[in-house]
C-alpha atoms as a PDB file:
ATOM      1  CA  MET A   1     110.672  74.794  67.336  1.00  0.00           C
ATOM      2  CA  SER A   2     111.620  77.066  70.166  1.00  0.00           C
ATOM      3  CA  ILE A   3     115.083  78.707  70.048  1.00  0.00           C
ATOM      4  CA  GLU A   4     116.431  80.394  73.158  1.00  0.00           C
ATOM      5  CA  VAL A   5     119.477  82.514  73.219  1.00  0.00           C
ATOM      6  CA  ARG A   6     121.244  82.989  76.375  1.00  0.00           C
ATOM      7  CA  PRO A   7     124.648  84.637  77.520  1.00  0.00           C
ATOM      8  CA  ALA A   8     127.518  82.346  77.174  1.00  0.00           C
ATOM      9  CA  THR A   9     128.284  81.650  80.856  1.00  0.00           C
ATOM     10  CA  GLU A  10     128.562  77.797  80.488  1.00  0.00           C
ATOM     11  CA  PHE A  11     132.195  76.968  79.397  1.00  0.00           C
ATOM     12  CA  ASP A  12     131.194  73.318  78.396  1.00  0.00           C
ATOM     13  CA  ASP A  13     128.583  74.695  76.059  1.00  0.00           C
ATOM     14  CA  VAL A  14     131.182  77.097  74.528  1.00  0.00           C
ATOM     15  CA  ALA A  15     133.671  74.345  74.201  1.00  0.00           C
ATOM     16  CA  LEU A  16     131.056  72.242  72.515  1.00  0.00           C
ATOM     17  CA  LEU A  17     130.438  74.703  69.914  1.00  0.00           C
ATOM     18  CA  VAL A  18     133.799  76.321  69.146  1.00  0.00           C
ATOM     19  CA  GLY A  19     136.394  74.379  70.955  1.00  0.00           C
ATOM     20  CA  PRO A  20     138.807  72.299  68.935  1.00  0.00           C
ATOM     21  CA  LYS A  21     138.406  68.618  68.319  1.00  0.00           C
ATOM     22  CA  LYS A  22     141.813  67.946  70.017  1.00  0.00           C
ATOM     23  CA  PRO A  23     142.165  69.529  73.479  1.00  0.00           C
ATOM     24  CA  THR A  24     145.845  70.002  72.687  1.00  0.00           C
ATOM     25  CA  SER A  25     145.047  72.066  69.504  1.00  0.00           C
ATOM     26  CA  ASN A  26     146.194  75.684  69.506  1.00  0.00           C
ATOM     27  CA  VAL A  27     143.328  76.880  67.352  1.00  0.00           C
ATOM     28  CA  CYS A  28     139.734  78.316  67.555  1.00  0.00           C
ATOM     29  CA  PHE A  29     137.929  78.779  70.729  1.00  0.00           C
ATOM     30  CA  CYS A  30     136.924  82.011  68.957  1.00  0.00           C
ATOM     31  CA  LEU A  31     139.807  83.881  70.627  1.00  0.00           C
ATOM     32  CA  SER A  32     141.662  85.501  67.692  1.00  0.00           C
ATOM     33  CA  TYR A  33     139.430  88.695  67.800  1.00  0.00           C
ATOM     34  CA  ARG A  34     138.606  88.681  71.273  1.00  0.00           C
ATOM     35  CA  ILE A  35     142.133  88.870  72.832  1.00  0.00           C
ATOM     36  CA  GLY A  36     145.396  90.406  71.561  1.00  0.00           C
ATOM     37  CA  SER A  37     147.368  88.595  68.767  1.00  0.00           C
ATOM     38  CA  LYS A  38     150.313  88.072  71.043  1.00  0.00           C
ATOM     39  CA  GLU A  39     148.362  86.357  73.785  1.00  0.00           C
ATOM     40  CA  ASN A  40     146.319  84.487  71.280  1.00  0.00           C
ATOM     41  CA  ASN A  41     149.535  83.189  69.740  1.00  0.00           C
ATOM     42  CA  GLU A  42     151.191  82.265  72.952  1.00  0.00           C
ATOM     43  CA  LEU A  43     148.244  80.337  74.422  1.00  0.00           C
ATOM     44  CA  ARG A  44     148.631  76.556  73.993  1.00  0.00           C
ATOM     45  CA  GLY A  45     146.474  73.515  74.407  1.00  0.00           C
ATOM     46  CA  SER A  46     144.588  73.596  77.853  1.00  0.00           C
ATOM     47  CA  GLN A  47     145.739  77.265  78.347  1.00  0.00           C
ATOM     48  CA  ARG A  48     143.304  78.252  75.585  1.00  0.00           C
ATOM     49  CA  ALA A  49     140.395  76.400  77.411  1.00  0.00           C
ATOM     50  CA  ASP A  50     141.546  78.012  80.655  1.00  0.00           C
ATOM     51  CA  ARG A  51     141.347  81.551  79.143  1.00  0.00           C
ATOM     52  CA  VAL A  52     137.751  80.916  77.643  1.00  0.00           C
ATOM     53  CA  ARG A  53     136.547  79.405  80.919  1.00  0.00           C
ATOM     54  CA  GLU A  54     137.709  82.721  82.551  1.00  0.00           C
ATOM     55  CA  LEU A  55     136.039  84.845  79.957  1.00  0.00           C
ATOM     56  CA  CYS A  56     132.768  82.822  80.585  1.00  0.00           C
ATOM     57  CA  HIS A  57     132.794  84.075  84.209  1.00  0.00           C
ATOM     58  CA  GLN A  58     133.411  87.699  83.165  1.00  0.00           C
ATOM     59  CA  ASP A  59     130.676  90.257  82.909  1.00  0.00           C
ATOM     60  CA  PRO A  60     129.846  90.507  79.793  1.00  0.00           C
ATOM     61  CA  PRO A  61     130.597  86.973  78.831  1.00  0.00           C
ATOM     62  CA  PRO A  62     132.382  86.289  75.486  1.00  0.00           C
ATOM     63  CA  GLY A  63     129.145  85.934  73.477  1.00  0.00           C
ATOM     64  CA  VAL A  64     125.744  84.229  73.285  1.00  0.00           C
ATOM     65  CA  ILE A  65     124.593  80.586  72.782  1.00  0.00           C
ATOM     66  CA  ALA A  66     121.373  79.338  70.943  1.00  0.00           C
ATOM     67  CA  TYR A  67     119.688  76.434  72.613  1.00  0.00           C
ATOM     68  CA  LEU A  68     117.113  74.210  70.950  1.00  0.00           C
ATOM     69  CA  ASP A  69     115.194  72.195  73.568  1.00  0.00           C
ATOM     70  CA  ASP A  70     118.082  73.064  76.076  1.00  0.00           C
ATOM     71  CA  GLU A  71     120.759  71.609  73.804  1.00  0.00           C
ATOM     72  CA  PRO A  72     123.532  74.065  72.651  1.00  0.00           C
ATOM     73  CA  VAL A  73     123.231  74.426  68.782  1.00  0.00           C
ATOM     74  CA  GLY A  74     124.778  77.725  68.025  1.00  0.00           C
ATOM     75  CA  TRP A  75     127.338  80.388  69.003  1.00  0.00           C
ATOM     76  CA  ALA A  76     127.763  84.058  68.325  1.00  0.00           C
ATOM     77  CA  ALA A  77     130.703  86.144  69.495  1.00  0.00           C
ATOM     78  CA  VAL A  78     129.662  89.667  70.643  1.00  0.00           C
ATOM     79  CA  HIS A  79     131.532  92.094  72.822  1.00  0.00           C
ATOM     80  CA  PRO A  80     132.269  95.771  73.119  1.00  0.00           C
ATOM     81  CA  ARG A  81     134.537  96.679  70.128  1.00  0.00           C
ATOM     82  CA  ARG A  82     137.002  98.550  72.557  1.00  0.00           C
ATOM     83  CA  ASP A  83     137.908  95.238  74.166  1.00  0.00           C
ATOM     84  CA  THR A  84     138.564  93.246  70.864  1.00  0.00           C
ATOM     85  CA  THR A  85     141.203  93.489  68.234  1.00  0.00           C
ATOM     86  CA  PHE A  86     138.640  95.203  66.048  1.00  0.00           C
ATOM     87  CA  ALA A  87     139.605  98.381  68.106  1.00  0.00           C
ATOM     88  CA  ARG A  88     142.985  98.309  66.385  1.00  0.00           C
ATOM     89  CA  ASN A  89     142.060  96.736  63.062  1.00  0.00           C
ATOM     90  CA  ARG A  90     143.582  98.700  60.128  1.00  0.00           C
ATOM     91  CA  LEU A  91     141.268  97.084  57.549  1.00  0.00           C
ATOM     92  CA  ILE A  92     137.872  97.665  59.365  1.00  0.00           C
ATOM     93  CA  PRO A  93     137.281 101.252  60.018  1.00  0.00           C
ATOM     94  CA  HIS A  94     135.682 103.292  62.926  1.00  0.00           C
ATOM     95  CA  ILE A  95     132.858 105.306  61.543  1.00  0.00           C
ATOM     96  CA  ASP A  96     132.255 107.312  64.617  1.00  0.00           C
ATOM     97  CA  ASP A  97     133.171 107.586  68.366  1.00  0.00           C
ATOM     98  CA  LEU A  98     130.191 105.595  69.565  1.00  0.00           C
ATOM     99  CA  ASP A  99     131.188 102.836  72.048  1.00  0.00           C
ATOM    100  CA  VAL A 100     129.765 100.203  69.743  1.00  0.00           C
ATOM    101  CA  TRP A 101     129.728  96.406  70.152  1.00  0.00           C
ATOM    102  CA  SER A 102     131.027  93.943  67.599  1.00  0.00           C
ATOM    103  CA  LEU A 103     129.471  90.830  66.370  1.00  0.00           C
ATOM    104  CA  TRP A 104     131.980  88.804  64.507  1.00  0.00           C
ATOM    105  CA  CYS A 105     131.370  85.263  64.616  1.00  0.00           C
ATOM    106  CA  VAL A 106     128.071  83.153  63.935  1.00  0.00           C
ATOM    107  CA  ARG A 107     128.302  79.416  64.053  1.00  0.00           C
ATOM    108  CA  VAL A 108     125.707  76.686  63.960  1.00  0.00           C
ATOM    109  CA  ARG A 109     126.402  72.999  64.845  1.00  0.00           C
ATOM    110  CA  PRO A 110     126.287  70.552  61.880  1.00  0.00           C
ATOM    111  CA  GLY A 111     122.925  68.923  61.585  1.00  0.00           C
ATOM    112  CA  HIS A 112     121.065  72.034  62.919  1.00  0.00           C
ATOM    113  CA  ARG A 113     121.586  74.224  59.917  1.00  0.00           C
ATOM    114  CA  ARG A 114     118.797  75.723  57.835  1.00  0.00           C
ATOM    115  CA  GLN A 115     116.616  75.949  60.828  1.00  0.00           C
ATOM    116  CA  GLY A 116     116.641  79.601  61.572  1.00  0.00           C
ATOM    117  CA  ILE A 117     119.384  79.451  64.232  1.00  0.00           C
ATOM    118  CA  SER A 118     121.780  82.013  62.548  1.00  0.00           C
ATOM    119  CA  HIS A 119     118.902  84.462  62.423  1.00  0.00           C
ATOM    120  CA  ALA A 120     118.078  83.822  66.107  1.00  0.00           C
ATOM    121  CA  LEU A 121     121.730  84.058  67.151  1.00  0.00           C
ATOM    122  CA  ILE A 122     122.109  87.387  65.628  1.00  0.00           C
ATOM    123  CA  GLU A 123     118.745  88.723  67.067  1.00  0.00           C
ATOM    124  CA  GLY A 124     119.730  87.296  70.461  1.00  0.00           C
ATOM    125  CA  ALA A 125     123.214  88.895  70.281  1.00  0.00           C
ATOM    126  CA  VAL A 126     121.404  92.359  69.578  1.00  0.00           C
ATOM    127  CA  ALA A 127     119.123  91.829  72.445  1.00  0.00           C
ATOM    128  CA  HIS A 128     122.083  91.051  74.778  1.00  0.00           C
ATOM    129  CA  ALA A 129     124.076  93.978  73.611  1.00  0.00           C
ATOM    130  CA  LYS A 130     121.004  96.423  73.958  1.00  0.00           C
ATOM    131  CA  ARG A 131     120.231  94.862  77.446  1.00  0.00           C
ATOM    132  CA  LEU A 132     123.832  95.807  78.600  1.00  0.00           C
ATOM    133  CA  GLY A 133     123.521  99.475  77.238  1.00  0.00           C
ATOM    134  CA  ALA A 134     125.245  99.261  73.895  1.00  0.00           C
ATOM    135  CA  PRO A 135     124.403 102.292  71.678  1.00  0.00           C
ATOM    136  CA  ALA A 136     124.952 100.447  68.531  1.00  0.00           C
ATOM    137  CA  ILE A 137     126.205  96.957  67.287  1.00  0.00           C
ATOM    138  CA  GLU A 138     128.278  96.133  64.190  1.00  0.00           C
ATOM    139  CA  GLY A 139     128.931  93.123  62.109  1.00  0.00           C
ATOM    140  CA  TYR A 140     131.615  92.612  59.468  1.00  0.00           C
ATOM    141  CA  PRO A 141     130.190  90.044  56.911  1.00  0.00           C
ATOM    142  CA  VAL A 142     131.029  89.334  53.474  1.00  0.00           C
ATOM    143  CA  ASP A 143     129.000  90.783  50.569  1.00  0.00           C
ATOM    144  CA  ASN A 144     128.632  87.709  48.573  1.00  0.00           C
ATOM    145  CA  ARG A 145     125.851  88.782  46.467  1.00  0.00           C
ATOM    146  CA  GLY A 146     124.109  85.486  46.758  1.00  0.00           C
ATOM    147  CA  GLU A 147     127.157  83.530  45.732  1.00  0.00           C
ATOM    148  CA  LYS A 148     128.198  80.414  47.691  1.00  0.00           C
ATOM    149  CA  VAL A 149     130.543  80.956  50.557  1.00  0.00           C
ATOM    150  CA  ASN A 150     132.792  78.243  51.834  1.00  0.00           C
ATOM    151  CA  LEU A 151     131.408  76.986  55.095  1.00  0.00           C
ATOM    152  CA  THR A 152     134.794  77.342  56.899  1.00  0.00           C
ATOM    153  CA  MET A 153     134.697  81.106  56.030  1.00  0.00           C
ATOM    154  CA  ALA A 154     131.079  81.591  56.558  1.00  0.00           C
ATOM    155  CA  TYR A 155     131.591  82.345  60.382  1.00  0.00           C
ATOM    156  CA  VAL A 156     131.469  86.202  59.608  1.00  0.00           C
ATOM    157  CA  GLY A 157     127.968  85.855  58.197  1.00  0.00           C
ATOM    158  CA  THR A 158     126.655  87.457  55.035  1.00  0.00           C
ATOM    159  CA  ARG A 159     125.295  90.868  54.267  1.00  0.00           C
ATOM    160  CA  ALA A 160     121.893  89.403  53.610  1.00  0.00           C
ATOM    161  CA  LEU A 161     121.872  87.656  56.858  1.00  0.00           C
ATOM    162  CA  PHE A 162     122.530  90.939  58.824  1.00  0.00           C
ATOM    163  CA  GLU A 163     120.090  92.833  56.717  1.00  0.00           C
ATOM    164  CA  ALA A 164     117.428  90.289  57.680  1.00  0.00           C
ATOM    165  CA  ALA A 165     118.062  91.422  61.340  1.00  0.00           C
ATOM    166  CA  GLY A 166     117.671  95.026  60.592  1.00  0.00           C
ATOM    167  CA  PHE A 167     121.333  96.103  60.091  1.00  0.00           C
ATOM    168  CA  THR A 168     122.205  98.565  57.239  1.00  0.00           C
ATOM    169  CA  LYS A 169     125.554  98.942  55.396  1.00  0.00           C
ATOM    170  CA  ALA A 170     127.642 101.765  56.993  1.00  0.00           C
ATOM    171  CA  THR A 171     130.660 101.588  54.880  1.00  0.00           C
ATOM    172  CA  ASP A 172     132.918  99.391  52.882  1.00  0.00           C
ATOM    173  CA  THR A 173     136.125  97.905  54.573  1.00  0.00           C
ATOM    174  CA  ARG A 174     139.463  96.896  53.119  1.00  0.00           C
ATOM    175  CA  SER A 175     139.108  93.283  54.438  1.00  0.00           C
ATOM    176  CA  THR A 176     138.280  90.307  52.326  1.00  0.00           C
ATOM    177  CA  LEU A 177     137.390  86.758  52.942  1.00  0.00           C
ATOM    178  CA  ASP A 178     137.191  83.767  50.741  1.00  0.00           C
ATOM    179  CA  GLY A 179     137.423  86.235  47.764  1.00  0.00           C
ATOM    180  CA  PHE A 180     134.517  88.393  48.916  1.00  0.00           C
ATOM    181  CA  PRO A 181     134.673  91.846  50.170  1.00  0.00           C
ATOM    182  CA  ARG A 182     133.533  92.454  53.792  1.00  0.00           C
ATOM    183  CA  VAL A 183     131.397  95.325  54.705  1.00  0.00           C
ATOM    184  CA  LEU A 184     130.619  96.961  57.966  1.00  0.00           C
ATOM    185  CA  MET A 185     126.868  96.692  58.971  1.00  0.00           C
ATOM    186  CA  ARG A 186     125.510  98.665  61.745  1.00  0.00           C
ATOM    187  CA  LEU A 187     122.431  98.688  63.879  1.00  0.00           C
ATOM    188  CA  ASP A 188     121.535 101.667  66.054  1.00  0.00           C
ATOM    189  CA  LEU A 189     120.137 100.537  69.431  1.00  0.00           C
ATOM    190  CA  ARG A 190     119.235 103.917  70.796  1.00  0.00           C
ATOM    191  CA  GLY A 191     115.865 104.511  69.108  1.00  0.00           C
ATOM    192  CA  ALA A 192     113.061 102.965  67.132  1.00  0.00           C
ATOM    193  CA  GLY A 193     113.847  99.757  65.202  1.00  0.00           C
ATOM    194  CA  ALA A 194     116.274  98.520  67.820  1.00  0.00           C
ATOM    195  CA  THR A 195     114.328  95.587  69.010  1.00  0.00           C
ATOM    196  CA  PRO A 196     115.071  92.210  67.286  1.00  0.00           C
ATOM    197  CA  ARG A 197     112.406  91.239  64.858  1.00  0.00           C
ATOM    198  CA  SER A 198     111.299  87.838  66.183  1.00  0.00           C
ATOM    199  CA  GLY A 199     112.003  88.460  69.830  1.00  0.00           C
ATOM    200  CA  SER A 200     109.215  85.894  70.616  1.00  0.00           C
ATOM    201  CA  ASP A 201     111.496  82.940  69.967  1.00  0.00           C
ATOM    202  CA  VAL A 202     114.808  84.572  71.335  1.00  0.00           C
ATOM    203  CA  GLY A 203     115.206  84.049  74.915  1.00  0.00           C
ATOM    204  CA  GLY A 204     116.931  86.591  77.313  1.00  0.00           C
ATOM    205  CA  GLN A 205     119.184  86.253  80.240  1.00  0.00           C
ATOM    206  CA  PRO A 206     117.986  83.515  82.604  1.00  0.00           C
END
């Protein structure tokens, strides 16, 4: 099995992975943290799709996509924190003044889970951020201590998932999800240990 992770520049692939089932729906498309809450609440139906299509044409794009035999099977939202709502989030602290990137959503298509795609997505997101000059990257997963997490809420990832990619806990947050506390996980990209662990099966930018 060969998993390749690429920048999310293809709107149709993003829509397949995080778009709503009904085009007229006013949810998802992974916009709630990427754009301001006012704009997110105002966008309706096809306007949301148009906004994501626009983001896919920006540099950097809104995230990365995992492909299995050229089929899109997973999504990770990753972007400079300063341009997301995490820049103003009162529950998730800033631990320093680094211009860090945030990795806040990891999704795998049903039927493709338990194949290592989540791990590949995180490693691909790290490689993407490092390639674009990020000094560090953060995630905000739940610390579920091995307990089962509702799949609907599992998009933030787990502490163990991020630790497997080399992240370490930097601090607690005041945010909770599905009854579990969220922790701020950090990976420094400026020195040794900043390279994804299984880069052989994580593709770069085409």
